[in-house]
Amino acid sequence: QIKKIFAMADATIVLSEEWAKFFGDNICDPKKIIVLHNGVIIPDYVKEDYTDRNVLFLGRLGERKGSYDLLKAIPAILKKVPDAHFYLGGDGDIDQSKKIIDENGLSAHVELLGWVRDGEKEEYLKKCSTFILPSYHEGMPMSVLEAMSYGLATISTNVGGIPQIIEDRANGIRIDAGDIVAINDNLVAILSNSTLRSKYGKAAYQTIQKKFNAEGNIDRLVEIYRHLIEE
């Protein structure tokens, strides 16, 4: 039934090359698939100060987004970077997250923000120099795009469309989902080196400006519809 519905469409728009392959192999005619990446509005802000050791996570708290893996890695990180501070924004399994924080004595270093949006979210994007999303499953996560658009040095995983956004060791860092050792090692490396944070953060900003600008995506979407109408 799903294949019949997709067969009726003149085109199928997907968010990443990975999804294009999945849909082409399993659901619809590959010739009808168009990749249109997510895009963000570039903020009227350019990060210059990378001296802080603040880390931001934005996403639903729980296993799927890897927030438990991050919390498990923090005690070892603090042994090497004792002034690191972690802000976790999102709803989800808040009680379980609080339990992990309390059991490991992390309350002085980890703050659960709840769901943040608009001005409050912008405040933390400006306050932090580092962003992490150690997720197990993604399409093309807006949180990664937003963090990079604010010039944050970003760590995420080799899932979904993330490899299309982050070029490992060029404009950020990619790790395997579930690899707590890699979370620890890479956060320690980034938090110990403001020059590295600046390098990844500025490269991230340039990537978003060139490839994931919402204005360019809107123009491309208009062209897709215009082409379909003319056909």
C-alpha atoms as a PDB file:
ATOM      1  CA  GLN A   1       0.000   0.000   0.000  1.00  0.00           C
ATOM      2  CA  ILE A   2       2.799   2.431   0.879  1.00  0.00           C
ATOM      3  CA  LYS A   3       4.566   1.719  -2.418  1.00  0.00           C
ATOM      4  CA  LYS A   4       1.323   2.366  -4.340  1.00  0.00           C
ATOM      5  CA  ILE A   5       0.898   5.743  -2.649  1.00  0.00           C
ATOM      6  CA  PHE A   6       4.457   6.772  -3.463  1.00  0.00           C
ATOM      7  CA  ALA A   7       4.055   5.544  -7.039  1.00  0.00           C
ATOM      8  CA  MET A   8       1.293   8.133  -7.485  1.00  0.00           C
ATOM      9  CA  ALA A   9       3.682  10.989  -6.708  1.00  0.00           C
ATOM     10  CA  ASP A  10       5.650  12.793  -9.399  1.00  0.00           C
ATOM     11  CA  ALA A  11       8.523  13.304  -6.972  1.00  0.00           C
ATOM     12  CA  THR A  12       9.628  12.284  -3.497  1.00  0.00           C
ATOM     13  CA  ILE A  13      11.703  14.771  -1.502  1.00  0.00           C
ATOM     14  CA  VAL A  14      14.049  13.358   1.146  1.00  0.00           C
ATOM     15  CA  LEU A  15      16.420  15.071   3.582  1.00  0.00           C
ATOM     16  CA  SER A  16      19.667  13.229   2.889  1.00  0.00           C
ATOM     17  CA  GLU A  17      21.529  10.977   0.486  1.00  0.00           C
ATOM     18  CA  GLU A  18      21.160   8.131   3.004  1.00  0.00           C
ATOM     19  CA  TRP A  19      17.369   8.465   2.902  1.00  0.00           C
ATOM     20  CA  ALA A  20      17.486   8.684  -0.903  1.00  0.00           C
ATOM     21  CA  LYS A  21      19.210   5.303  -1.025  1.00  0.00           C
ATOM     22  CA  PHE A  22      16.772   3.771   1.463  1.00  0.00           C
ATOM     23  CA  PHE A  23      13.692   5.012  -0.414  1.00  0.00           C
ATOM     24  CA  GLY A  24      15.171   4.068  -3.783  1.00  0.00           C
ATOM     25  CA  ASP A  25      16.006   0.549  -2.606  1.00  0.00           C
ATOM     26  CA  ASN A  26      12.762  -0.110  -0.744  1.00  0.00           C
ATOM     27  CA  ILE A  27       9.874   2.217  -1.513  1.00  0.00           C
ATOM     28  CA  CYS A  28       9.822   4.189  -4.762  1.00  0.00           C
ATOM     29  CA  ASP A  29      11.437   4.816  -8.136  1.00  0.00           C
ATOM     30  CA  PRO A  30      14.948   6.198  -7.529  1.00  0.00           C
ATOM     31  CA  LYS A  31      14.525   8.492 -10.555  1.00  0.00           C
ATOM     32  CA  LYS A  32      11.724  10.339  -8.742  1.00  0.00           C
ATOM     33  CA  ILE A  33      13.778  11.067  -5.609  1.00  0.00           C
ATOM     34  CA  ILE A  34      15.073  14.562  -4.936  1.00  0.00           C
ATOM     35  CA  VAL A  35      17.431  15.341  -2.034  1.00  0.00           C
ATOM     36  CA  LEU A  36      16.678  18.638  -0.314  1.00  0.00           C
ATOM     37  CA  HIS A  37      18.679  19.107   2.862  1.00  0.00           C
ATOM     38  CA  ASN A  38      17.258  20.827   5.919  1.00  0.00           C
ATOM     39  CA  GLY A  39      18.291  24.433   6.215  1.00  0.00           C
ATOM     40  CA  VAL A  40      18.415  27.063   8.939  1.00  0.00           C
ATOM     41  CA  ILE A  41      18.117  30.817   9.001  1.00  0.00           C
ATOM     42  CA  ILE A  42      21.631  32.149   9.495  1.00  0.00           C
ATOM     43  CA  PRO A  43      21.665  34.138  12.772  1.00  0.00           C
ATOM     44  CA  ASP A  44      22.734  37.746  12.872  1.00  0.00           C
ATOM     45  CA  TYR A  45      25.568  36.737  15.184  1.00  0.00           C
ATOM     46  CA  VAL A  46      29.170  35.657  14.739  1.00  0.00           C
ATOM     47  CA  LYS A  47      30.904  33.871  17.621  1.00  0.00           C
ATOM     48  CA  GLU A  48      34.320  35.280  18.444  1.00  0.00           C
ATOM     49  CA  ASP A  49      34.937  34.172  22.058  1.00  0.00           C
ATOM     50  CA  TYR A  50      35.779  30.471  22.431  1.00  0.00           C
ATOM     51  CA  THR A  51      37.270  30.626  25.919  1.00  0.00           C
ATOM     52  CA  ASP A  52      34.364  28.967  27.747  1.00  0.00           C
ATOM     53  CA  ARG A  53      34.201  25.248  28.483  1.00  0.00           C
ATOM     54  CA  ASN A  54      30.435  25.010  28.216  1.00  0.00           C
ATOM     55  CA  VAL A  55      28.837  22.090  26.351  1.00  0.00           C
ATOM     56  CA  LEU A  56      25.292  22.178  24.965  1.00  0.00           C
ATOM     57  CA  PHE A  57      22.981  19.268  24.120  1.00  0.00           C
ATOM     58  CA  LEU A  58      19.603  19.900  22.482  1.00  0.00           C
ATOM     59  CA  GLY A  59      17.188  17.039  21.913  1.00  0.00           C
ATOM     60  CA  ARG A  60      14.768  14.707  23.610  1.00  0.00           C
ATOM     61  CA  LEU A  61      16.449  13.273  26.707  1.00  0.00           C
ATOM     62  CA  GLY A  62      16.727   9.510  26.548  1.00  0.00           C
ATOM     63  CA  GLU A  63      18.423   6.587  24.899  1.00  0.00           C
ATOM     64  CA  ARG A  64      17.658   7.442  21.250  1.00  0.00           C
ATOM     65  CA  LYS A  65      19.443  10.809  21.307  1.00  0.00           C
ATOM     66  CA  GLY A  66      22.358   9.431  23.313  1.00  0.00           C
ATOM     67  CA  SER A  67      21.924  11.739  26.302  1.00  0.00           C
ATOM     68  CA  TYR A  68      22.479   8.849  28.735  1.00  0.00           C
ATOM     69  CA  ASP A  69      25.792   8.095  27.001  1.00  0.00           C
ATOM     70  CA  LEU A  70      26.804  11.725  27.447  1.00  0.00           C
ATOM     71  CA  LEU A  71      25.884  11.691  31.147  1.00  0.00           C
ATOM     72  CA  LYS A  72      27.861   8.479  31.651  1.00  0.00           C
ATOM     73  CA  ALA A  73      30.930  10.053  30.044  1.00  0.00           C
ATOM     74  CA  ILE A  74      30.871  13.264  32.096  1.00  0.00           C
ATOM     75  CA  PRO A  75      32.508  11.954  35.339  1.00  0.00           C
ATOM     76  CA  ALA A  76      35.672  10.938  33.433  1.00  0.00           C
ATOM     77  CA  ILE A  77      35.634  14.208  31.472  1.00  0.00           C
ATOM     78  CA  LEU A  78      35.511  16.265  34.675  1.00  0.00           C
ATOM     79  CA  LYS A  79      38.627  14.531  36.004  1.00  0.00           C
ATOM     80  CA  LYS A  80      40.578  16.104  33.128  1.00  0.00           C
ATOM     81  CA  VAL A  81      38.520  19.268  32.593  1.00  0.00           C
ATOM     82  CA  PRO A  82      37.190  20.109  36.081  1.00  0.00           C
ATOM     83  CA  ASP A  83      35.636  23.439  35.061  1.00  0.00           C
ATOM     84  CA  ALA A  84      33.533  21.986  32.229  1.00  0.00           C
ATOM     85  CA  HIS A  85      29.812  22.700  32.403  1.00  0.00           C
ATOM     86  CA  PHE A  86      27.053  20.850  30.561  1.00  0.00           C
ATOM     87  CA  TYR A  87      23.629  22.202  29.576  1.00  0.00           C
ATOM     88  CA  LEU A  88      21.042  19.668  28.416  1.00  0.00           C
ATOM     89  CA  GLY A  89      17.988  21.193  26.770  1.00  0.00           C
ATOM     90  CA  GLY A  90      14.982  19.040  25.944  1.00  0.00           C
ATOM     91  CA  ASP A  91      12.010  17.158  27.294  1.00  0.00           C
ATOM     92  CA  GLY A  92      11.787  13.372  27.599  1.00  0.00           C
ATOM     93  CA  ASP A  93      13.202  11.217  30.383  1.00  0.00           C
ATOM     94  CA  ILE A  94      13.978  14.028  32.809  1.00  0.00           C
ATOM     95  CA  ASP A  95      13.507  11.933  35.970  1.00  0.00           C
ATOM     96  CA  GLN A  96      15.938   9.254  34.793  1.00  0.00           C
ATOM     97  CA  SER A  97      18.410  11.933  33.759  1.00  0.00           C
ATOM     98  CA  LYS A  98      18.185  13.553  37.196  1.00  0.00           C
ATOM     99  CA  LYS A  99      18.782  10.162  38.790  1.00  0.00           C
ATOM    100  CA  ILE A 100      22.005   9.626  36.796  1.00  0.00           C
ATOM    101  CA  ILE A 101      23.158  13.152  37.655  1.00  0.00           C
ATOM    102  CA  ASP A 102      22.467  12.683  41.389  1.00  0.00           C
ATOM    103  CA  GLU A 103      24.000   9.197  41.576  1.00  0.00           C
ATOM    104  CA  ASN A 104      27.232  10.489  40.027  1.00  0.00           C
ATOM    105  CA  GLY A 105      27.383  13.767  41.943  1.00  0.00           C
ATOM    106  CA  LEU A 106      27.181  15.860  38.790  1.00  0.00           C
ATOM    107  CA  SER A 107      24.661  18.509  39.873  1.00  0.00           C
ATOM    108  CA  ALA A 108      27.325  21.253  40.082  1.00  0.00           C
ATOM    109  CA  HIS A 109      28.343  20.622  36.479  1.00  0.00           C
ATOM    110  CA  VAL A 110      25.174  19.498  34.680  1.00  0.00           C
ATOM    111  CA  GLU A 111      22.052  21.579  34.230  1.00  0.00           C
ATOM    112  CA  LEU A 112      18.777  20.235  32.810  1.00  0.00           C
ATOM    113  CA  LEU A 113      17.114  23.122  31.018  1.00  0.00           C
ATOM    114  CA  GLY A 114      13.853  21.497  30.000  1.00  0.00           C
ATOM    115  CA  TRP A 115      12.493  22.373  26.575  1.00  0.00           C
ATOM    116  CA  VAL A 116      14.086  25.604  25.333  1.00  0.00           C
ATOM    117  CA  ARG A 117      13.103  27.659  22.327  1.00  0.00           C
ATOM    118  CA  ASP A 118      13.449  31.070  20.709  1.00  0.00           C
ATOM    119  CA  GLY A 119      15.343  33.590  22.861  1.00  0.00           C
ATOM    120  CA  GLU A 120      16.182  31.121  25.615  1.00  0.00           C
ATOM    121  CA  LYS A 121      17.664  28.640  23.157  1.00  0.00           C
ATOM    122  CA  GLU A 122      19.628  31.432  21.506  1.00  0.00           C
ATOM    123  CA  GLU A 123      21.017  32.423  24.904  1.00  0.00           C
ATOM    124  CA  TYR A 124      22.573  28.981  25.386  1.00  0.00           C
ATOM    125  CA  LEU A 125      23.788  28.750  21.790  1.00  0.00           C
ATOM    126  CA  LYS A 126      25.730  31.958  22.480  1.00  0.00           C
ATOM    127  CA  LYS A 127      26.839  30.845  25.948  1.00  0.00           C
ATOM    128  CA  CYS A 128      28.453  27.595  24.785  1.00  0.00           C
ATOM    129  CA  SER A 129      31.368  26.938  22.447  1.00  0.00           C
ATOM    130  CA  THR A 130      30.784  23.193  22.109  1.00  0.00           C
ATOM    131  CA  PHE A 131      27.742  21.168  21.044  1.00  0.00           C
ATOM    132  CA  ILE A 132      27.172  17.414  21.176  1.00  0.00           C
ATOM    133  CA  LEU A 133      24.409  15.176  19.847  1.00  0.00           C
ATOM    134  CA  PRO A 134      25.493  11.529  20.334  1.00  0.00           C
ATOM    135  CA  SER A 135      22.313  10.245  18.684  1.00  0.00           C
ATOM    136  CA  TYR A 136      21.554   6.689  17.525  1.00  0.00           C
ATOM    137  CA  HIS A 137      19.005   7.616  14.830  1.00  0.00           C
ATOM    138  CA  GLU A 138      18.597  10.838  12.848  1.00  0.00           C
ATOM    139  CA  GLY A 139      17.462  12.297   9.564  1.00  0.00           C
ATOM    140  CA  MET A 140      19.190  15.641   9.232  1.00  0.00           C
ATOM    141  CA  PRO A 141      18.996  17.064  12.756  1.00  0.00           C
ATOM    142  CA  MET A 142      18.041  20.725  13.050  1.00  0.00           C
ATOM    143  CA  SER A 143      19.861  20.967  16.385  1.00  0.00           C
ATOM    144  CA  VAL A 144      23.200  20.189  14.708  1.00  0.00           C
ATOM    145  CA  LEU A 145      22.525  22.678  11.913  1.00  0.00           C
ATOM    146  CA  GLU A 146      21.528  25.370  14.415  1.00  0.00           C
ATOM    147  CA  ALA A 147      24.549  24.779  16.640  1.00  0.00           C
ATOM    148  CA  MET A 148      26.896  24.986  13.674  1.00  0.00           C
ATOM    149  CA  SER A 149      25.165  28.141  12.419  1.00  0.00           C
ATOM    150  CA  TYR A 150      26.079  29.757  15.754  1.00  0.00           C
ATOM    151  CA  GLY A 151      29.698  28.677  15.323  1.00  0.00           C
ATOM    152  CA  LEU A 152      29.780  25.902  17.935  1.00  0.00           C
ATOM    153  CA  ALA A 153      32.395  23.166  17.683  1.00  0.00           C
ATOM    154  CA  THR A 154      30.131  20.180  17.113  1.00  0.00           C
ATOM    155  CA  ILE A 155      30.395  16.473  17.882  1.00  0.00           C
ATOM    156  CA  SER A 156      27.783  14.071  16.536  1.00  0.00           C
ATOM    157  CA  THR A 157      27.462  10.529  15.207  1.00  0.00           C
ATOM    158  CA  ASN A 158      27.784   8.639  11.922  1.00  0.00           C
ATOM    159  CA  VAL A 159      24.035   8.205  11.463  1.00  0.00           C
ATOM    160  CA  GLY A 160      21.396   9.499   9.040  1.00  0.00           C
ATOM    161  CA  GLY A 161      22.341  12.673   7.213  1.00  0.00           C
ATOM    162  CA  ILE A 162      24.933  13.829   9.756  1.00  0.00           C
ATOM    163  CA  PRO A 163      27.898  12.774   7.541  1.00  0.00           C
ATOM    164  CA  GLN A 164      26.494  15.186   4.926  1.00  0.00           C
ATOM    165  CA  ILE A 165      26.818  18.044   7.433  1.00  0.00           C
ATOM    166  CA  ILE A 166      29.948  17.246   9.446  1.00  0.00           C
ATOM    167  CA  GLU A 167      33.200  16.473   7.676  1.00  0.00           C
ATOM    168  CA  ASP A 168      35.142  14.664  10.378  1.00  0.00           C
ATOM    169  CA  ARG A 169      38.091  16.666  11.769  1.00  0.00           C
ATOM    170  CA  ALA A 170      37.409  19.510   9.317  1.00  0.00           C
ATOM    171  CA  ASN A 171      34.279  21.316  10.545  1.00  0.00           C
ATOM    172  CA  GLY A 172      33.496  19.108  13.534  1.00  0.00           C
ATOM    173  CA  ILE A 173      33.859  15.563  14.830  1.00  0.00           C
ATOM    174  CA  ARG A 174      31.893  12.405  14.061  1.00  0.00           C
ATOM    175  CA  ILE A 175      31.886   9.356  16.331  1.00  0.00           C
ATOM    176  CA  ASP A 176      30.034   6.045  16.399  1.00  0.00           C
ATOM    177  CA  ALA A 177      26.757   5.976  18.300  1.00  0.00           C
ATOM    178  CA  GLY A 178      27.107   4.377  21.716  1.00  0.00           C
ATOM    179  CA  ASP A 179      30.869   4.921  21.935  1.00  0.00           C
ATOM    180  CA  ILE A 180      31.197   6.488  25.396  1.00  0.00           C
ATOM    181  CA  VAL A 181      35.000   6.355  25.234  1.00  0.00           C
ATOM    182  CA  ALA A 182      34.904   8.429  22.039  1.00  0.00           C
ATOM    183  CA  ILE A 183      32.555  10.945  23.693  1.00  0.00           C
ATOM    184  CA  ASN A 184      35.008  11.247  26.570  1.00  0.00           C
ATOM    185  CA  ASP A 185      38.174  11.466  24.469  1.00  0.00           C
ATOM    186  CA  ASN A 186      36.829  13.988  21.968  1.00  0.00           C
ATOM    187  CA  LEU A 187      35.158  16.250  24.506  1.00  0.00           C
ATOM    188  CA  VAL A 188      38.338  16.300  26.592  1.00  0.00           C
ATOM    189  CA  ALA A 189      40.358  17.191  23.472  1.00  0.00           C
ATOM    190  CA  ILE A 190      37.997  19.990  22.436  1.00  0.00           C
ATOM    191  CA  LEU A 191      37.422  21.381  25.934  1.00  0.00           C
ATOM    192  CA  SER A 192      41.183  21.468  26.538  1.00  0.00           C
ATOM    193  CA  ASN A 193      41.941  23.508  23.425  1.00  0.00           C
ATOM    194  CA  SER A 194      40.200  26.811  22.647  1.00  0.00           C
ATOM    195  CA  THR A 195      42.053  27.058  19.327  1.00  0.00           C
ATOM    196  CA  LEU A 196      40.535  23.735  18.262  1.00  0.00           C
ATOM    197  CA  ARG A 197      37.073  24.905  19.325  1.00  0.00           C
ATOM    198  CA  SER A 198      37.514  28.044  17.275  1.00  0.00           C
ATOM    199  CA  LYS A 199      38.776  26.113  14.243  1.00  0.00           C
ATOM    200  CA  TYR A 200      35.842  23.696  14.180  1.00  0.00           C
ATOM    201  CA  GLY A 201      33.292  26.345  15.123  1.00  0.00           C
ATOM    202  CA  LYS A 202      34.264  28.795  12.395  1.00  0.00           C
ATOM    203  CA  ALA A 203      34.447  26.035   9.785  1.00  0.00           C
ATOM    204  CA  ALA A 204      31.009  24.859  10.904  1.00  0.00           C
ATOM    205  CA  TYR A 205      29.575  28.338  10.447  1.00  0.00           C
ATOM    206  CA  GLN A 206      30.979  28.537   6.916  1.00  0.00           C
ATOM    207  CA  THR A 207      29.494  25.130   6.057  1.00  0.00           C
ATOM    208  CA  ILE A 208      26.005  26.170   7.114  1.00  0.00           C
ATOM    209  CA  GLN A 209      26.264  29.499   5.336  1.00  0.00           C
ATOM    210  CA  LYS A 210      27.273  27.840   2.057  1.00  0.00           C
ATOM    211  CA  LYS A 211      25.269  24.596   2.031  1.00  0.00           C
ATOM    212  CA  PHE A 212      22.431  24.692   4.562  1.00  0.00           C
ATOM    213  CA  ASN A 213      21.103  28.222   4.343  1.00  0.00           C
ATOM    214  CA  ALA A 214      17.286  28.194   4.535  1.00  0.00           C
ATOM    215  CA  GLU A 215      16.990  30.961   1.963  1.00  0.00           C
ATOM    216  CA  GLY A 216      18.795  28.857  -0.630  1.00  0.00           C
ATOM    217  CA  ASN A 217      16.649  25.840   0.250  1.00  0.00           C
ATOM    218  CA  ILE A 218      13.451  27.835  -0.261  1.00  0.00           C
ATOM    219  CA  ASP A 219      14.649  28.926  -3.699  1.00  0.00           C
ATOM    220  CA  ARG A 220      15.439  25.326  -4.607  1.00  0.00           C
ATOM    221  CA  LEU A 221      12.042  24.100  -3.373  1.00  0.00           C
ATOM    222  CA  VAL A 222      10.307  26.719  -5.507  1.00  0.00           C
ATOM    223  CA  GLU A 223      12.318  25.498  -8.502  1.00  0.00           C
ATOM    224  CA  ILE A 224      11.305  21.889  -7.806  1.00  0.00           C
ATOM    225  CA  TYR A 225       7.606  22.814  -7.783  1.00  0.00           C
ATOM    226  CA  ARG A 226       8.001  25.018 -10.870  1.00  0.00           C
ATOM    227  CA  HIS A 227       9.649  22.155 -12.758  1.00  0.00           C
ATOM    228  CA  LEU A 228       6.895  19.714 -11.755  1.00  0.00           C
ATOM    229  CA  ILE A 229       4.168  22.145 -12.803  1.00  0.00           C
ATOM    230  CA  GLU A 230       5.781  22.792 -16.169  1.00  0.00           C
ATOM    231  CA  GLU A 231       6.082  19.066 -16.809  1.00  0.00           C
END
